[in-house]
N, C-alpha and C. Protein backbone atom coordinates (compact mmCIF):
# COMPACT_ATOMS: atom_id res chain seq x y z
N MET A 1 -12.58 -53.36 -16.32
CA MET A 1 -13.07 -53.50 -14.98
C MET A 1 -13.11 -52.20 -14.25
N ASN A 2 -12.09 -51.50 -14.31
CA ASN A 2 -11.89 -50.29 -13.50
C ASN A 2 -12.12 -49.10 -14.48
N ASN A 3 -13.03 -48.21 -14.07
CA ASN A 3 -13.36 -47.04 -14.93
C ASN A 3 -12.59 -45.83 -14.57
N LEU A 4 -11.60 -45.97 -13.67
CA LEU A 4 -10.75 -44.84 -13.29
C LEU A 4 -9.68 -44.65 -14.37
N PRO A 5 -9.29 -43.38 -14.58
CA PRO A 5 -8.30 -43.15 -15.58
C PRO A 5 -6.93 -43.64 -15.08
N ASP A 6 -6.05 -43.94 -15.97
CA ASP A 6 -4.70 -44.38 -15.70
C ASP A 6 -3.98 -43.33 -14.81
N ARG A 7 -3.25 -43.86 -13.88
CA ARG A 7 -2.38 -42.91 -13.11
C ARG A 7 -1.19 -42.57 -13.95
N ARG A 8 -1.03 -41.30 -14.10
CA ARG A 8 0.15 -40.82 -14.87
C ARG A 8 0.95 -39.95 -14.02
N LYS A 9 2.19 -39.96 -14.30
CA LYS A 9 3.08 -39.08 -13.59
C LYS A 9 2.87 -37.64 -14.15
N LEU A 10 2.80 -36.70 -13.22
CA LEU A 10 2.59 -35.30 -13.67
C LEU A 10 3.90 -34.82 -14.28
N PRO A 11 3.78 -33.96 -15.22
CA PRO A 11 5.06 -33.46 -15.92
C PRO A 11 5.82 -32.55 -14.96
N ASP A 12 7.15 -32.63 -15.09
CA ASP A 12 7.99 -31.72 -14.27
C ASP A 12 8.03 -30.34 -14.89
N ARG A 13 7.34 -29.42 -14.25
CA ARG A 13 7.24 -28.04 -14.80
C ARG A 13 8.37 -27.16 -14.37
N SER A 14 9.25 -27.60 -13.49
CA SER A 14 10.28 -26.80 -12.88
C SER A 14 11.34 -26.40 -14.05
N LYS A 15 11.31 -27.21 -15.06
CA LYS A 15 12.37 -26.98 -16.11
C LYS A 15 11.71 -26.12 -17.23
N LYS A 16 10.44 -25.82 -17.13
CA LYS A 16 9.82 -25.03 -18.18
C LYS A 16 10.13 -23.56 -18.02
N LYS A 17 10.18 -22.90 -19.12
CA LYS A 17 10.43 -21.41 -19.06
C LYS A 17 9.25 -20.76 -18.35
N GLY A 18 9.60 -19.84 -17.48
CA GLY A 18 8.63 -19.01 -16.76
C GLY A 18 8.15 -19.70 -15.44
N PHE A 19 8.73 -20.79 -15.13
CA PHE A 19 8.39 -21.48 -13.90
C PHE A 19 9.05 -20.77 -12.68
N MET A 20 8.23 -20.48 -11.64
CA MET A 20 8.80 -19.92 -10.42
C MET A 20 8.43 -20.77 -9.28
N PRO A 21 9.33 -21.16 -8.42
CA PRO A 21 9.00 -21.97 -7.24
C PRO A 21 8.11 -21.11 -6.28
N LEU A 22 7.38 -21.86 -5.51
CA LEU A 22 6.40 -21.26 -4.55
C LEU A 22 7.06 -20.18 -3.64
N SER A 23 8.29 -20.56 -3.19
CA SER A 23 9.03 -19.61 -2.27
C SER A 23 9.33 -18.26 -2.98
N GLY A 24 9.68 -18.40 -4.23
CA GLY A 24 9.97 -17.18 -5.05
C GLY A 24 8.72 -16.36 -5.28
N MET A 25 7.58 -17.07 -5.54
CA MET A 25 6.33 -16.33 -5.77
C MET A 25 5.91 -15.57 -4.51
N LEU A 26 6.06 -16.21 -3.34
CA LEU A 26 5.60 -15.54 -2.17
C LEU A 26 6.46 -14.29 -1.82
N SER A 27 7.78 -14.38 -1.95
CA SER A 27 8.64 -13.19 -1.74
C SER A 27 8.29 -12.13 -2.80
N THR A 28 8.03 -12.48 -4.02
CA THR A 28 7.76 -11.49 -5.10
C THR A 28 6.45 -10.85 -4.75
N ARG A 29 5.43 -11.61 -4.39
CA ARG A 29 4.12 -11.09 -4.05
C ARG A 29 4.17 -10.15 -2.77
N MET A 30 4.98 -10.61 -1.76
CA MET A 30 5.07 -9.73 -0.62
C MET A 30 5.66 -8.42 -1.00
N ASP A 31 6.70 -8.38 -1.80
CA ASP A 31 7.31 -7.08 -2.20
C ASP A 31 6.30 -6.26 -3.06
N ARG A 32 5.60 -6.96 -3.87
CA ARG A 32 4.66 -6.27 -4.79
C ARG A 32 3.56 -5.64 -3.96
N HIS A 33 3.13 -6.28 -2.92
CA HIS A 33 1.96 -5.80 -2.08
C HIS A 33 2.43 -5.03 -0.89
N SER A 34 3.65 -4.69 -0.88
CA SER A 34 4.27 -3.85 0.21
C SER A 34 4.22 -4.41 1.62
N ILE A 35 4.00 -5.68 1.72
CA ILE A 35 4.04 -6.25 3.09
C ILE A 35 5.50 -6.24 3.58
N GLY A 36 6.39 -6.48 2.68
CA GLY A 36 7.82 -6.44 3.06
C GLY A 36 8.19 -5.04 3.51
N ARG A 37 7.74 -4.02 2.80
CA ARG A 37 8.09 -2.62 3.14
C ARG A 37 7.49 -2.31 4.50
N GLN A 38 6.21 -2.75 4.71
CA GLN A 38 5.56 -2.43 6.03
C GLN A 38 6.33 -3.04 7.19
N LEU A 39 6.76 -4.33 7.03
CA LEU A 39 7.54 -5.01 8.08
C LEU A 39 8.80 -4.26 8.32
N GLU A 40 9.49 -3.86 7.28
CA GLU A 40 10.72 -3.15 7.38
C GLU A 40 10.55 -1.83 8.10
N ALA A 41 9.49 -1.09 7.76
CA ALA A 41 9.24 0.20 8.42
C ALA A 41 8.94 0.00 9.97
N ARG A 42 8.25 -1.14 10.22
CA ARG A 42 7.96 -1.40 11.64
C ARG A 42 9.24 -1.72 12.43
N GLN A 43 10.13 -2.48 11.78
CA GLN A 43 11.44 -2.74 12.41
C GLN A 43 12.20 -1.45 12.62
N ILE A 44 12.22 -0.59 11.64
CA ILE A 44 12.93 0.70 11.79
C ILE A 44 12.42 1.55 12.90
N LEU A 45 11.08 1.61 13.03
CA LEU A 45 10.40 2.33 14.10
C LEU A 45 10.81 1.77 15.44
N GLU A 46 10.88 0.47 15.55
CA GLU A 46 11.23 -0.20 16.86
C GLU A 46 12.66 0.13 17.21
N VAL A 47 13.56 0.13 16.25
CA VAL A 47 15.00 0.42 16.47
C VAL A 47 15.13 1.86 16.90
N ALA A 48 14.36 2.76 16.13
CA ALA A 48 14.42 4.22 16.40
C ALA A 48 13.88 4.51 17.86
N GLN A 49 12.93 3.84 18.29
CA GLN A 49 12.44 4.08 19.66
C GLN A 49 13.42 3.56 20.69
N ARG A 50 14.02 2.39 20.48
CA ARG A 50 15.07 1.86 21.35
C ARG A 50 16.21 2.77 21.52
N ILE A 51 16.66 3.35 20.35
CA ILE A 51 17.86 4.27 20.37
C ILE A 51 17.50 5.49 21.16
N LEU A 52 16.27 6.01 20.97
CA LEU A 52 15.89 7.23 21.61
C LEU A 52 15.87 7.02 23.17
N VAL A 53 15.36 5.84 23.63
CA VAL A 53 15.34 5.56 25.04
C VAL A 53 16.77 5.47 25.52
N ALA A 54 17.64 4.86 24.74
CA ALA A 54 19.04 4.75 25.15
C ALA A 54 19.76 6.10 25.29
N LEU A 55 19.50 7.03 24.38
CA LEU A 55 20.11 8.33 24.39
C LEU A 55 19.46 9.28 25.44
N TRP A 56 18.11 9.24 25.59
CA TRP A 56 17.45 10.20 26.43
C TRP A 56 16.99 9.68 27.75
N GLY A 57 16.87 8.38 27.89
CA GLY A 57 16.23 7.79 29.12
C GLY A 57 14.75 7.65 28.87
N GLU A 58 14.13 6.82 29.68
CA GLU A 58 12.72 6.44 29.50
C GLU A 58 11.82 7.62 29.65
N ASP A 59 12.03 8.50 30.68
CA ASP A 59 11.18 9.62 31.03
C ASP A 59 11.17 10.63 29.87
N ARG A 60 12.35 11.04 29.39
CA ARG A 60 12.38 12.12 28.38
C ARG A 60 11.94 11.54 27.00
N ALA A 61 12.21 10.26 26.75
CA ALA A 61 11.77 9.63 25.55
C ALA A 61 10.28 9.49 25.47
N GLY A 62 9.59 9.56 26.62
CA GLY A 62 8.19 9.44 26.69
C GLY A 62 7.49 10.60 26.07
N HIS A 63 8.18 11.68 25.80
CA HIS A 63 7.55 12.88 25.18
C HIS A 63 7.61 12.82 23.67
N CYS A 64 8.04 11.62 23.13
CA CYS A 64 8.17 11.50 21.65
C CYS A 64 7.56 10.09 21.29
N GLU A 65 6.85 10.07 20.22
CA GLU A 65 6.27 8.84 19.71
C GLU A 65 6.70 8.64 18.23
N MET A 66 7.21 7.51 17.90
CA MET A 66 7.53 7.22 16.49
C MET A 66 6.24 7.01 15.77
N ALA A 67 6.02 7.80 14.74
CA ALA A 67 4.77 7.75 13.96
C ALA A 67 4.81 6.92 12.71
N SER A 68 5.84 7.15 11.87
CA SER A 68 5.86 6.37 10.58
C SER A 68 7.27 6.52 9.97
N PHE A 69 7.56 5.64 9.07
CA PHE A 69 8.78 5.66 8.25
C PHE A 69 8.39 5.36 6.81
N SER A 70 8.85 6.22 5.90
CA SER A 70 8.62 5.94 4.48
C SER A 70 9.65 6.74 3.67
N GLU A 71 10.28 6.06 2.79
CA GLU A 71 11.23 6.56 1.82
C GLU A 71 12.37 7.44 2.48
N GLY A 72 12.88 6.95 3.62
CA GLY A 72 14.04 7.67 4.24
C GLY A 72 13.56 8.67 5.22
N ILE A 73 12.24 8.96 5.36
CA ILE A 73 11.77 9.98 6.28
C ILE A 73 11.09 9.32 7.45
N LEU A 74 11.70 9.61 8.66
CA LEU A 74 11.13 9.17 9.93
C LEU A 74 10.27 10.24 10.52
N SER A 75 9.01 10.00 10.72
CA SER A 75 8.09 10.90 11.38
C SER A 75 7.91 10.67 12.80
N ILE A 76 8.06 11.68 13.59
CA ILE A 76 7.99 11.57 15.09
C ILE A 76 7.04 12.56 15.59
N ARG A 77 6.08 12.10 16.44
CA ARG A 77 5.18 13.01 17.14
C ARG A 77 5.91 13.48 18.43
N ILE A 78 5.97 14.87 18.57
CA ILE A 78 6.55 15.48 19.69
C ILE A 78 5.48 16.03 20.62
N LEU A 79 5.46 15.68 21.85
CA LEU A 79 4.44 16.05 22.77
C LEU A 79 4.75 17.26 23.60
N SER A 80 5.96 17.79 23.61
CA SER A 80 6.28 19.02 24.32
C SER A 80 7.31 19.85 23.55
N ALA A 81 7.23 21.17 23.80
CA ALA A 81 8.14 22.11 23.14
C ALA A 81 9.58 21.88 23.52
N PRO A 82 9.85 21.58 24.81
CA PRO A 82 11.34 21.40 25.13
C PRO A 82 11.87 20.09 24.46
N ALA A 83 11.08 19.07 24.36
CA ALA A 83 11.48 17.87 23.65
C ALA A 83 11.77 18.19 22.17
N LEU A 84 10.95 18.97 21.55
CA LEU A 84 11.14 19.32 20.13
C LEU A 84 12.43 20.08 20.03
N GLN A 85 12.71 21.06 20.87
CA GLN A 85 13.95 21.82 20.73
C GLN A 85 15.14 20.89 20.94
N THR A 86 15.13 20.06 21.94
CA THR A 86 16.22 19.08 22.23
C THR A 86 16.42 18.20 21.07
N PHE A 87 15.36 17.68 20.51
CA PHE A 87 15.50 16.76 19.39
C PHE A 87 16.07 17.46 18.19
N LYS A 88 15.66 18.70 17.90
CA LYS A 88 16.25 19.41 16.77
C LYS A 88 17.74 19.64 16.91
N ASN A 89 18.17 19.88 18.16
CA ASN A 89 19.59 20.09 18.44
C ASN A 89 20.34 18.80 18.27
N ASP A 90 19.79 17.65 18.66
CA ASP A 90 20.51 16.34 18.57
C ASP A 90 20.14 15.49 17.31
N GLN A 91 19.45 16.15 16.37
CA GLN A 91 18.89 15.40 15.22
C GLN A 91 19.94 14.60 14.49
N MET A 92 21.06 15.08 14.10
CA MET A 92 22.05 14.35 13.32
C MET A 92 22.68 13.25 14.20
N ARG A 93 22.89 13.55 15.47
CA ARG A 93 23.44 12.42 16.31
C ARG A 93 22.51 11.32 16.38
N TYR A 94 21.19 11.61 16.54
CA TYR A 94 20.17 10.58 16.61
C TYR A 94 20.10 9.77 15.29
N ILE A 95 20.09 10.44 14.15
CA ILE A 95 20.02 9.82 12.81
C ILE A 95 21.17 8.88 12.66
N ASN A 96 22.36 9.39 12.99
CA ASN A 96 23.59 8.55 12.85
C ASN A 96 23.51 7.32 13.77
N ALA A 97 23.02 7.49 14.97
CA ALA A 97 22.93 6.32 15.92
C ALA A 97 21.95 5.22 15.40
N VAL A 98 20.79 5.66 14.88
CA VAL A 98 19.89 4.72 14.37
C VAL A 98 20.37 4.03 13.12
N ASN A 99 20.94 4.77 12.21
CA ASN A 99 21.51 4.17 11.01
C ASN A 99 22.64 3.25 11.37
N ARG A 100 23.43 3.56 12.30
CA ARG A 100 24.55 2.69 12.77
C ARG A 100 23.96 1.34 13.23
N GLU A 101 22.89 1.41 14.05
CA GLU A 101 22.25 0.23 14.55
C GLU A 101 21.58 -0.56 13.46
N LEU A 102 21.07 0.02 12.43
CA LEU A 102 20.46 -0.67 11.32
C LEU A 102 21.50 -1.29 10.40
N GLY A 103 22.67 -0.73 10.42
CA GLY A 103 23.78 -1.26 9.57
C GLY A 103 23.80 -0.64 8.19
N GLU A 104 22.92 0.29 7.93
CA GLU A 104 22.93 1.05 6.63
C GLU A 104 22.21 2.39 6.81
N ARG A 105 22.45 3.23 5.81
CA ARG A 105 21.86 4.56 5.92
C ARG A 105 20.40 4.52 5.46
N ARG A 106 19.46 4.31 6.30
CA ARG A 106 18.08 4.19 5.99
C ARG A 106 17.27 5.48 6.26
N ILE A 107 17.62 6.13 7.39
CA ILE A 107 16.98 7.33 7.80
C ILE A 107 17.77 8.51 7.23
N LEU A 108 17.12 9.30 6.38
CA LEU A 108 17.75 10.42 5.74
C LEU A 108 17.40 11.77 6.41
N GLN A 109 16.13 11.78 6.92
CA GLN A 109 15.58 12.98 7.43
C GLN A 109 14.55 12.70 8.51
N ILE A 110 14.36 13.61 9.42
CA ILE A 110 13.28 13.40 10.42
C ILE A 110 12.27 14.53 10.18
N GLN A 111 11.00 14.17 10.29
CA GLN A 111 9.89 15.06 10.17
C GLN A 111 9.25 15.10 11.52
N PHE A 112 9.16 16.28 12.14
CA PHE A 112 8.56 16.46 13.47
C PHE A 112 7.09 16.86 13.36
N ARG A 113 6.25 16.23 14.16
CA ARG A 113 4.85 16.55 14.18
C ARG A 113 4.56 17.00 15.62
N LYS A 114 4.21 18.30 15.74
CA LYS A 114 3.94 18.83 17.10
C LYS A 114 2.51 18.40 17.47
N VAL A 115 2.36 17.89 18.67
CA VAL A 115 1.09 17.42 19.20
C VAL A 115 0.89 18.00 20.57
N GLY A 116 -0.28 18.67 20.73
CA GLY A 116 -0.69 19.13 22.06
C GLY A 116 -0.07 20.34 22.62
N PHE A 117 0.59 21.14 21.78
CA PHE A 117 1.16 22.42 22.30
C PHE A 117 1.13 23.46 21.19
């Protein structure tokens, strides 16, 4: 009477070798495609900016822009010569403050990019 195939229960593939749950695949793919690293870098840049404002104040921190973070190197655009000199003098204190806020030693070095002078 009915030309439809019999309903069968699908096999449980979770016990098969090489099976990975969807949640595992997503996190693996995110890491593989560097989305996770990009999000992490963005968070580090936000923390770095927040610490700079806390140490220098809003006005003085306005002379610096967080540019990028990759492999332990934080790149900062410096918009004035006095800000560059001050930052170079306080570099280790700043690195330590950011790493303390992050909870681990992520920033190893700062690369300064002079802009406009």
